[in-house]
Amino acid sequence: MPTTTHEFNWPDRVVIGTIGKPGERAFYLQARSGAELASIALEKQHAALVAEMFDEMLDELSTLEGNPHSVPSHTPVEIVDNEPLEGVVELFQVGSMNLGWDPTVAQVVLEAHAFRDADTEEGLPQQEPNADEVLRVRMPVGMARAFAKRTHEIVAAGRPICSSCGHPMDPDGHTCAGPEQ
């Protein structure tokens, strides 16, 4: 089966956002170029990890002697995006993500591969990466900084973390399991 690739080479917008209240939020990565819009579902941990990886990559690139790619050390104020997600129609659930750098156009490249259900030997469903559907987004370094900043903020806006056990605390109450081992 041929691979369906949703390609955004110079997107107008790339963000991670959520739908729902803390504790019940669904996370989405959304890219838009003109009228073309793609939304994929991902886990909160995916979002946090990808933002961290973006920052690490951009920080490393900015320390190269002479900073040949003009990588900003902070998010340019003029490209901060705090707008909500646009009409979300989920293309797929993320199974794996890859991050790369294209020095020929000074862009960060993010690839997200879909999960698919597959049968295990015991006959129970298991999810595995689906090579048949991919979202590939190439974004300039300033947009990548803005993407990482917003993603960190979105992830941090969830339920507060208990300082004793490290688990999220619900507004209805929290039964603390004590310090994690």
N, C-alpha and C. Protein backbone atom coordinates (compact mmCIF):
# COMPACT_ATOMS: atom_id res chain seq x y z
N MET A 1 0.85 -1.17 0.00
CA MET A 1 0.00 0.00 0.00
C MET A 1 0.90 1.24 0.00
N PRO A 2 0.62 2.22 -0.88
CA PRO A 2 1.46 3.41 -0.92
C PRO A 2 1.28 4.27 0.33
N THR A 3 2.34 4.99 0.67
CA THR A 3 2.31 5.87 1.83
C THR A 3 1.58 7.16 1.49
N THR A 4 0.68 7.57 2.39
CA THR A 4 0.02 8.86 2.27
C THR A 4 0.83 9.84 3.11
N THR A 5 1.41 10.84 2.47
CA THR A 5 2.21 11.83 3.18
C THR A 5 1.50 13.16 3.13
N HIS A 6 1.26 13.72 4.30
CA HIS A 6 0.67 15.06 4.43
C HIS A 6 1.87 15.99 4.62
N GLU A 7 2.20 16.76 3.59
CA GLU A 7 3.43 17.53 3.56
C GLU A 7 3.15 19.03 3.73
N PHE A 8 3.88 19.65 4.66
CA PHE A 8 3.80 21.09 4.90
C PHE A 8 5.22 21.64 4.88
N ASN A 9 5.64 22.20 3.72
CA ASN A 9 7.02 22.64 3.57
C ASN A 9 7.29 24.05 4.09
N TRP A 10 6.38 24.96 3.93
CA TRP A 10 6.50 26.32 4.46
C TRP A 10 5.15 26.67 5.07
N PRO A 11 4.80 26.04 6.20
CA PRO A 11 3.46 26.22 6.75
C PRO A 11 3.21 27.64 7.25
N ASP A 12 1.92 28.01 7.22
CA ASP A 12 1.50 29.29 7.79
C ASP A 12 1.41 29.17 9.31
N ARG A 13 1.13 27.96 9.77
CA ARG A 13 0.93 27.73 11.20
C ARG A 13 1.25 26.29 11.55
N VAL A 14 1.95 26.09 12.69
CA VAL A 14 2.18 24.77 13.26
C VAL A 14 2.09 24.93 14.77
N VAL A 15 1.16 24.22 15.39
CA VAL A 15 0.95 24.34 16.84
C VAL A 15 0.55 23.00 17.44
N ILE A 16 0.78 22.90 18.74
CA ILE A 16 0.16 21.83 19.52
C ILE A 16 -0.86 22.52 20.40
N GLY A 17 -2.04 21.95 20.46
CA GLY A 17 -3.11 22.50 21.28
C GLY A 17 -3.92 21.37 21.88
N THR A 18 -4.90 21.75 22.68
CA THR A 18 -5.71 20.74 23.36
C THR A 18 -7.18 21.04 23.22
N ILE A 19 -7.96 19.99 23.42
CA ILE A 19 -9.41 20.11 23.51
C ILE A 19 -9.79 19.41 24.80
N GLY A 20 -10.60 20.08 25.62
CA GLY A 20 -11.04 19.50 26.88
C GLY A 20 -10.41 20.20 28.07
N LYS A 21 -10.88 19.80 29.26
CA LYS A 21 -10.38 20.41 30.48
C LYS A 21 -9.21 19.59 31.04
N PRO A 22 -8.35 20.22 31.86
CA PRO A 22 -7.22 19.49 32.42
C PRO A 22 -7.66 18.17 33.07
N GLY A 23 -6.90 17.14 32.79
CA GLY A 23 -7.23 15.80 33.27
C GLY A 23 -8.00 15.00 32.24
N GLU A 24 -8.62 15.71 31.28
CA GLU A 24 -9.39 15.05 30.22
C GLU A 24 -9.02 15.61 28.84
N ARG A 25 -7.88 16.28 28.76
CA ARG A 25 -7.50 16.94 27.51
C ARG A 25 -7.03 15.95 26.46
N ALA A 26 -7.37 16.25 25.22
CA ALA A 26 -6.84 15.54 24.07
C ALA A 26 -5.85 16.49 23.40
N PHE A 27 -4.66 16.01 23.10
CA PHE A 27 -3.61 16.82 22.50
C PHE A 27 -3.58 16.59 20.99
N TYR A 28 -3.39 17.68 20.25
CA TYR A 28 -3.32 17.63 18.79
C TYR A 28 -2.15 18.46 18.29
N LEU A 29 -1.48 17.95 17.27
CA LEU A 29 -0.52 18.72 16.51
C LEU A 29 -1.26 19.13 15.25
N GLN A 30 -1.21 20.43 14.95
CA GLN A 30 -1.97 20.94 13.81
C GLN A 30 -1.06 21.78 12.92
N ALA A 31 -1.13 21.55 11.61
CA ALA A 31 -0.37 22.32 10.63
C ALA A 31 -1.33 22.87 9.58
N ARG A 32 -1.03 24.11 9.13
CA ARG A 32 -1.87 24.72 8.09
C ARG A 32 -0.99 25.46 7.10
N SER A 33 -1.30 25.27 5.82
CA SER A 33 -0.74 26.04 4.71
C SER A 33 -1.92 26.45 3.86
N GLY A 34 -2.22 27.76 3.85
CA GLY A 34 -3.39 28.22 3.11
C GLY A 34 -4.64 27.54 3.62
N ALA A 35 -5.38 26.89 2.71
CA ALA A 35 -6.62 26.21 3.09
C ALA A 35 -6.37 24.77 3.53
N GLU A 36 -5.16 24.26 3.34
CA GLU A 36 -4.86 22.89 3.73
C GLU A 36 -4.57 22.83 5.23
N LEU A 37 -5.31 21.98 5.94
CA LEU A 37 -5.21 21.85 7.39
C LEU A 37 -5.11 20.38 7.76
N ALA A 38 -4.17 20.04 8.64
CA ALA A 38 -4.02 18.67 9.11
C ALA A 38 -3.91 18.68 10.63
N SER A 39 -4.63 17.76 11.27
CA SER A 39 -4.59 17.61 12.73
C SER A 39 -4.35 16.15 13.05
N ILE A 40 -3.38 15.90 13.94
CA ILE A 40 -3.11 14.54 14.37
C ILE A 40 -3.12 14.51 15.90
N ALA A 41 -3.61 13.42 16.45
CA ALA A 41 -3.69 13.25 17.90
C ALA A 41 -2.36 12.70 18.42
N LEU A 42 -1.96 13.17 19.61
CA LEU A 42 -0.76 12.67 20.24
C LEU A 42 -0.93 12.70 21.75
N GLU A 43 -0.06 12.01 22.44
CA GLU A 43 -0.10 11.96 23.89
C GLU A 43 0.62 13.18 24.45
N LYS A 44 0.26 13.55 25.67
CA LYS A 44 0.90 14.68 26.35
C LYS A 44 2.42 14.47 26.41
N GLN A 45 2.85 13.23 26.66
CA GLN A 45 4.27 12.94 26.75
C GLN A 45 4.98 13.16 25.43
N HIS A 46 4.30 12.83 24.30
CA HIS A 46 4.86 13.12 22.98
C HIS A 46 5.08 14.62 22.83
N ALA A 47 4.06 15.40 23.21
CA ALA A 47 4.14 16.86 23.08
C ALA A 47 5.31 17.41 23.89
N ALA A 48 5.42 16.98 25.15
CA ALA A 48 6.51 17.46 26.01
C ALA A 48 7.87 17.09 25.44
N LEU A 49 8.00 15.87 24.97
CA LEU A 49 9.27 15.39 24.44
C LEU A 49 9.65 16.14 23.16
N VAL A 50 8.71 16.35 22.28
CA VAL A 50 9.02 17.03 21.02
C VAL A 50 9.44 18.48 21.29
N ALA A 51 8.80 19.15 22.23
CA ALA A 51 9.19 20.53 22.57
C ALA A 51 10.60 20.56 23.13
N GLU A 52 10.92 19.61 24.00
CA GLU A 52 12.27 19.53 24.57
C GLU A 52 13.30 19.27 23.48
N MET A 53 12.98 18.36 22.56
CA MET A 53 13.90 18.05 21.47
C MET A 53 14.10 19.25 20.54
N PHE A 54 13.04 20.00 20.28
CA PHE A 54 13.16 21.20 19.46
C PHE A 54 14.12 22.18 20.12
N ASP A 55 13.90 22.44 21.41
CA ASP A 55 14.77 23.38 22.13
C ASP A 55 16.22 22.93 22.11
N GLU A 56 16.45 21.64 22.37
CA GLU A 56 17.82 21.12 22.37
C GLU A 56 18.48 21.30 21.00
N MET A 57 17.75 20.96 19.93
CA MET A 57 18.31 21.09 18.59
C MET A 57 18.61 22.56 18.27
N LEU A 58 17.66 23.44 18.54
CA LEU A 58 17.85 24.85 18.23
C LEU A 58 18.96 25.47 19.07
N ASP A 59 19.05 25.07 20.35
CA ASP A 59 20.12 25.57 21.21
C ASP A 59 21.48 25.14 20.67
N GLU A 60 21.57 23.89 20.25
CA GLU A 60 22.83 23.38 19.70
C GLU A 60 23.20 24.11 18.42
N LEU A 61 22.21 24.32 17.53
CA LEU A 61 22.47 25.04 16.28
C LEU A 61 22.90 26.48 16.54
N SER A 62 22.31 27.11 17.57
CA SER A 62 22.63 28.52 17.84
C SER A 62 24.03 28.69 18.41
N THR A 63 24.62 27.61 18.95
CA THR A 63 25.97 27.72 19.51
C THR A 63 27.05 27.43 18.49
N LEU A 64 26.66 27.06 17.27
CA LEU A 64 27.67 26.84 16.24
C LEU A 64 28.40 28.15 15.99
N GLU A 65 29.67 28.04 15.78
CA GLU A 65 30.47 29.24 15.58
C GLU A 65 29.90 30.09 14.45
N GLY A 66 29.60 31.33 14.78
CA GLY A 66 29.05 32.25 13.79
C GLY A 66 27.56 32.08 13.57
N ASN A 67 26.92 31.11 14.22
CA ASN A 67 25.49 30.85 14.07
C ASN A 67 25.05 31.03 12.61
N PRO A 68 25.57 30.18 11.71
CA PRO A 68 25.32 30.36 10.29
C PRO A 68 23.85 30.28 9.87
N HIS A 69 22.99 29.77 10.74
CA HIS A 69 21.59 29.62 10.38
C HIS A 69 20.70 30.67 11.03
N SER A 70 21.26 31.64 11.71
CA SER A 70 20.50 32.70 12.38
C SER A 70 19.40 32.13 13.26
N VAL A 71 19.76 31.19 14.10
CA VAL A 71 18.80 30.56 15.01
C VAL A 71 18.58 31.49 16.19
N PRO A 72 17.34 31.93 16.41
CA PRO A 72 17.09 32.81 17.55
C PRO A 72 17.22 32.03 18.87
N SER A 73 17.71 32.72 19.90
CA SER A 73 17.84 32.06 21.20
C SER A 73 16.51 32.06 21.96
N HIS A 74 15.60 32.96 21.58
CA HIS A 74 14.27 33.03 22.21
C HIS A 74 13.22 33.15 21.11
N THR A 75 11.97 32.96 21.49
CA THR A 75 10.87 33.04 20.54
C THR A 75 10.67 34.49 20.10
N PRO A 76 10.71 34.74 18.79
CA PRO A 76 10.41 36.09 18.31
C PRO A 76 8.97 36.47 18.65
N VAL A 77 8.79 37.61 19.31
CA VAL A 77 7.48 38.04 19.80
C VAL A 77 6.46 38.12 18.66
N GLU A 78 6.87 38.55 17.50
CA GLU A 78 5.93 38.74 16.40
C GLU A 78 5.35 37.45 15.84
N ILE A 79 5.90 36.30 16.22
CA ILE A 79 5.34 35.05 15.71
C ILE A 79 4.75 34.17 16.81
N VAL A 80 4.58 34.71 18.01
CA VAL A 80 3.93 33.96 19.08
C VAL A 80 2.49 33.66 18.65
N ASP A 81 2.06 32.44 18.82
CA ASP A 81 0.72 32.00 18.42
C ASP A 81 0.00 31.42 19.63
N ASN A 82 -0.96 32.17 20.17
CA ASN A 82 -1.74 31.71 21.31
C ASN A 82 -3.19 31.45 20.93
N GLU A 83 -3.47 31.36 19.65
CA GLU A 83 -4.83 31.13 19.18
C GLU A 83 -5.22 29.66 19.38
N PRO A 84 -6.52 29.40 19.52
CA PRO A 84 -6.96 28.01 19.69
C PRO A 84 -6.77 27.21 18.40
N LEU A 85 -6.90 25.91 18.53
CA LEU A 85 -6.85 25.04 17.36
C LEU A 85 -7.97 25.41 16.40
N GLU A 86 -7.74 25.18 15.12
CA GLU A 86 -8.77 25.39 14.12
C GLU A 86 -9.55 24.09 14.00
N GLY A 87 -10.66 24.09 13.29
CA GLY A 87 -11.53 22.91 13.17
C GLY A 87 -10.79 21.59 13.11
N VAL A 88 -10.75 20.87 14.21
CA VAL A 88 -9.98 19.64 14.31
C VAL A 88 -10.74 18.47 13.69
N VAL A 89 -10.12 17.88 12.68
CA VAL A 89 -10.57 16.62 12.10
C VAL A 89 -9.33 15.72 12.13
N GLU A 90 -9.34 14.76 13.04
CA GLU A 90 -8.16 13.93 13.29
C GLU A 90 -7.84 13.04 12.10
N LEU A 91 -6.60 13.16 11.59
CA LEU A 91 -6.13 12.30 10.51
C LEU A 91 -5.70 10.94 11.05
N PHE A 92 -4.96 10.97 12.17
CA PHE A 92 -4.48 9.73 12.78
C PHE A 92 -3.92 10.01 14.16
N GLN A 93 -3.66 8.93 14.90
CA GLN A 93 -3.01 8.97 16.21
C GLN A 93 -1.52 8.74 15.98
N VAL A 94 -0.67 9.55 16.60
CA VAL A 94 0.77 9.43 16.43
C VAL A 94 1.27 8.13 17.05
N GLY A 95 2.09 7.42 16.30
CA GLY A 95 2.75 6.23 16.80
C GLY A 95 4.21 6.52 17.12
N SER A 96 4.89 7.24 16.23
CA SER A 96 6.28 7.62 16.45
C SER A 96 6.54 8.94 15.76
N MET A 97 7.58 9.62 16.25
CA MET A 97 7.94 10.91 15.68
C MET A 97 9.45 10.95 15.46
N ASN A 98 9.85 11.63 14.39
CA ASN A 98 11.26 11.84 14.09
C ASN A 98 11.49 13.33 13.94
N LEU A 99 12.67 13.77 14.34
CA LEU A 99 13.03 15.17 14.24
C LEU A 99 14.34 15.27 13.49
N GLY A 100 14.42 16.22 12.57
CA GLY A 100 15.64 16.39 11.79
C GLY A 100 15.91 17.84 11.48
N TRP A 101 17.02 18.07 10.78
CA TRP A 101 17.44 19.41 10.41
C TRP A 101 17.82 19.40 8.94
N ASP A 102 17.30 20.35 8.18
CA ASP A 102 17.65 20.49 6.76
C ASP A 102 18.45 21.78 6.62
N PRO A 103 19.79 21.70 6.58
CA PRO A 103 20.62 22.90 6.52
C PRO A 103 20.50 23.65 5.19
N THR A 104 20.02 22.99 4.14
CA THR A 104 19.92 23.67 2.84
C THR A 104 18.88 24.78 2.85
N VAL A 105 17.86 24.65 3.71
CA VAL A 105 16.82 25.68 3.82
C VAL A 105 16.65 26.18 5.25
N ALA A 106 17.55 25.76 6.16
CA ALA A 106 17.52 26.14 7.57
C ALA A 106 16.14 25.90 8.18
N GLN A 107 15.67 24.64 8.06
CA GLN A 107 14.38 24.27 8.60
C GLN A 107 14.49 23.03 9.49
N VAL A 108 13.68 23.03 10.55
CA VAL A 108 13.50 21.85 11.38
C VAL A 108 12.46 20.98 10.68
N VAL A 109 12.70 19.69 10.64
CA VAL A 109 11.79 18.76 9.98
C VAL A 109 11.22 17.82 11.03
N LEU A 110 9.89 17.81 11.13
CA LEU A 110 9.20 16.94 12.07
C LEU A 110 8.37 15.95 11.27
N GLU A 111 8.57 14.67 11.53
CA GLU A 111 7.77 13.63 10.89
C GLU A 111 7.02 12.87 11.96
N ALA A 112 5.72 12.70 11.76
CA ALA A 112 4.89 11.92 12.67
C ALA A 112 4.28 10.77 11.88
N HIS A 113 4.45 9.57 12.40
CA HIS A 113 3.94 8.36 11.76
C HIS A 113 2.75 7.86 12.55
N ALA A 114 1.76 7.33 11.84
CA ALA A 114 0.51 6.89 12.46
C ALA A 114 0.66 5.54 13.15
N PHE A 115 -0.18 5.33 14.18
CA PHE A 115 -0.35 4.02 14.81
C PHE A 115 -1.34 3.24 13.97
N ARG A 116 -1.21 1.96 14.02
CA ARG A 116 -2.25 1.09 13.46
C ARG A 116 -2.40 -0.10 14.39
N ASP A 117 -3.58 -0.66 14.39
CA ASP A 117 -3.81 -1.84 15.22
C ASP A 117 -3.32 -3.07 14.48
N ALA A 118 -2.66 -3.94 15.23
CA ALA A 118 -2.19 -5.21 14.66
C ALA A 118 -2.46 -6.30 15.69
N ASP A 119 -2.68 -7.49 15.23
CA ASP A 119 -2.92 -8.60 16.15
C ASP A 119 -1.60 -9.12 16.69
N THR A 120 -1.59 -9.45 17.96
CA THR A 120 -0.42 -10.07 18.56
C THR A 120 -0.61 -11.58 18.50
N GLU A 121 0.38 -12.30 18.97
CA GLU A 121 0.28 -13.76 18.97
C GLU A 121 -0.86 -14.25 19.83
N GLU A 122 -1.19 -13.51 20.89
CA GLU A 122 -2.27 -13.92 21.78
C GLU A 122 -3.64 -13.48 21.24
N GLY A 123 -3.65 -12.79 20.11
CA GLY A 123 -4.91 -12.34 19.53
C GLY A 123 -5.41 -11.03 20.11
N LEU A 124 -4.64 -10.40 21.00
CA LEU A 124 -5.03 -9.11 21.57
C LEU A 124 -4.55 -7.99 20.67
N PRO A 125 -5.34 -6.93 20.51
CA PRO A 125 -4.88 -5.84 19.65
C PRO A 125 -3.66 -5.14 20.25
N GLN A 126 -2.78 -4.75 19.37
CA GLN A 126 -1.58 -4.01 19.77
C GLN A 126 -1.38 -2.90 18.74
N GLN A 127 -0.90 -1.74 19.19
CA GLN A 127 -0.67 -0.67 18.24
C GLN A 127 0.79 -0.67 17.83
N GLU A 128 1.02 -0.42 16.56
CA GLU A 128 2.38 -0.34 16.04
C GLU A 128 2.42 0.76 14.98
N PRO A 129 3.60 1.30 14.70
CA PRO A 129 3.68 2.35 13.70
C PRO A 129 3.14 1.89 12.35
N ASN A 130 2.46 2.79 11.67
CA ASN A 130 1.89 2.52 10.36
C ASN A 130 2.65 3.33 9.33
N ALA A 131 3.43 2.66 8.50
CA ALA A 131 4.22 3.36 7.50
C ALA A 131 3.35 3.91 6.38
N ASP A 132 2.04 3.66 6.44
CA ASP A 132 1.16 4.08 5.36
C ASP A 132 0.66 5.51 5.50
N GLU A 133 0.90 6.18 6.65
CA GLU A 133 0.43 7.55 6.81
C GLU A 133 1.45 8.34 7.63
N VAL A 134 1.85 9.50 7.07
CA VAL A 134 2.89 10.32 7.68
C VAL A 134 2.50 11.79 7.55
N LEU A 135 2.76 12.56 8.62
CA LEU A 135 2.67 14.02 8.55
C LEU A 135 4.10 14.52 8.61
N ARG A 136 4.52 15.30 7.60
CA ARG A 136 5.87 15.86 7.56
C ARG A 136 5.73 17.38 7.50
N VAL A 137 6.33 18.03 8.49
CA VAL A 137 6.27 19.49 8.58
C VAL A 137 7.69 20.02 8.61
N ARG A 138 7.97 20.96 7.72
CA ARG A 138 9.26 21.65 7.70
C ARG A 138 8.99 23.08 8.12
N MET A 139 9.68 23.53 9.18
CA MET A 139 9.42 24.88 9.66
C MET A 139 10.71 25.65 9.88
N PRO A 140 10.67 26.95 9.58
CA PRO A 140 11.83 27.80 9.81
C PRO A 140 12.15 27.85 11.31
N VAL A 141 13.38 28.26 11.63
CA VAL A 141 13.84 28.21 13.01
C VAL A 141 13.03 29.10 13.95
N GLY A 142 12.59 30.26 13.52
CA GLY A 142 11.77 31.12 14.38
C GLY A 142 10.44 30.46 14.71
N MET A 143 9.81 29.87 13.71
CA MET A 143 8.55 29.17 13.93
C MET A 143 8.77 27.97 14.84
N ALA A 144 9.91 27.29 14.69
CA ALA A 144 10.21 26.14 15.54
C ALA A 144 10.37 26.58 17.00
N ARG A 145 10.99 27.74 17.24
CA ARG A 145 11.10 28.27 18.62
C ARG A 145 9.71 28.57 19.17
N ALA A 146 8.87 29.22 18.37
CA ALA A 146 7.51 29.54 18.81
C ALA A 146 6.72 28.27 19.09
N PHE A 147 6.88 27.26 18.25
CA PHE A 147 6.21 25.97 18.42
C PHE A 147 6.61 25.35 19.76
N ALA A 148 7.91 25.32 20.05
CA ALA A 148 8.40 24.73 21.30
C ALA A 148 7.89 25.50 22.51
N LYS A 149 7.92 26.82 22.45
CA LYS A 149 7.47 27.65 23.58
C LYS A 149 5.99 27.39 23.88
N ARG A 150 5.17 27.44 22.84
CA ARG A 150 3.74 27.20 23.03
C ARG A 150 3.49 25.80 23.58
N THR A 151 4.21 24.82 23.06
CA THR A 151 4.02 23.44 23.50
C THR A 151 4.37 23.28 24.97
N HIS A 152 5.48 23.88 25.41
CA HIS A 152 5.83 23.83 26.84
C HIS A 152 4.70 24.43 27.68
N GLU A 153 4.14 25.55 27.22
CA GLU A 153 3.05 26.21 27.96
C GLU A 153 1.80 25.35 28.01
N ILE A 154 1.45 24.73 26.89
CA ILE A 154 0.26 23.86 26.81
C ILE A 154 0.42 22.68 27.77
N VAL A 155 1.59 22.04 27.75
CA VAL A 155 1.83 20.89 28.62
C VAL A 155 1.75 21.31 30.08
N ALA A 156 2.33 22.47 30.43
CA ALA A 156 2.35 22.94 31.81
C ALA A 156 0.98 23.40 32.31
N ALA A 157 0.06 23.66 31.39
CA ALA A 157 -1.26 24.17 31.78
C ALA A 157 -2.20 23.09 32.29
N GLY A 158 -1.74 21.89 32.40
CA GLY A 158 -2.57 20.79 32.88
C GLY A 158 -2.73 20.82 34.39
N ARG A 159 -3.13 19.69 34.92
CA ARG A 159 -3.34 19.56 36.36
C ARG A 159 -2.02 19.76 37.10
N PRO A 160 -2.08 20.38 38.28
CA PRO A 160 -0.85 20.54 39.06
C PRO A 160 -0.31 19.18 39.51
N ILE A 161 1.00 19.11 39.68
CA ILE A 161 1.67 17.87 40.08
C ILE A 161 1.88 17.89 41.59
N CYS A 162 1.56 16.79 42.23
CA CYS A 162 1.75 16.64 43.68
C CYS A 162 3.26 16.62 43.99
N SER A 163 3.69 17.46 44.90
CA SER A 163 5.11 17.52 45.24
C SER A 163 5.56 16.29 46.03
N SER A 164 4.63 15.55 46.61
CA SER A 164 5.01 14.36 47.38
C SER A 164 5.15 13.11 46.52
N CYS A 165 4.15 12.86 45.64
CA CYS A 165 4.17 11.61 44.88
C CYS A 165 4.47 11.79 43.40
N GLY A 166 4.37 13.03 42.90
CA GLY A 166 4.68 13.29 41.49
C GLY A 166 3.55 13.00 40.54
N HIS A 167 2.37 12.64 41.03
CA HIS A 167 1.22 12.37 40.17
C HIS A 167 0.35 13.61 40.04
N PRO A 168 -0.41 13.73 38.94
CA PRO A 168 -1.31 14.88 38.79
C PRO A 168 -2.39 14.88 39.86
N MET A 169 -2.76 16.09 40.29
CA MET A 169 -3.82 16.23 41.30
C MET A 169 -5.10 16.67 40.61
N ASP A 170 -6.19 15.96 40.87
CA ASP A 170 -7.48 16.30 40.30
C ASP A 170 -8.12 17.41 41.11
N PRO A 171 -8.97 18.25 40.47
CA PRO A 171 -9.66 19.30 41.21
C PRO A 171 -10.59 18.73 42.28
N ASP A 172 -11.08 17.49 42.08
CA ASP A 172 -12.00 16.85 43.02
C ASP A 172 -11.29 16.33 44.27
N GLY A 173 -9.98 16.30 44.24
CA GLY A 173 -9.22 15.76 45.38
C GLY A 173 -8.10 14.88 44.89
N HIS A 174 -7.23 14.52 45.81
CA HIS A 174 -6.05 13.74 45.44
C HIS A 174 -5.71 12.80 46.59
N THR A 175 -5.58 11.54 46.29
CA THR A 175 -5.14 10.56 47.27
C THR A 175 -3.66 10.35 47.00
N CYS A 176 -2.85 10.88 47.87
CA CYS A 176 -1.41 10.84 47.68
C CYS A 176 -0.87 9.46 48.02
N ALA A 177 -0.07 8.94 47.12
CA ALA A 177 0.55 7.64 47.33
C ALA A 177 1.89 7.79 48.06
N GLY A 178 2.25 9.01 48.42
CA GLY A 178 3.53 9.25 49.08
C GLY A 178 4.65 9.36 48.07
N PRO A 179 5.86 9.57 48.53
CA PRO A 179 7.00 9.74 47.61
C PRO A 179 7.20 8.50 46.74
N GLU A 180 7.50 8.77 45.47
CA GLU A 180 7.77 7.65 44.54
C GLU A 180 9.14 7.08 44.84
N GLN A 181 9.24 5.79 44.67
CA GLN A 181 10.51 5.12 44.93
C GLN A 181 11.39 5.23 43.71
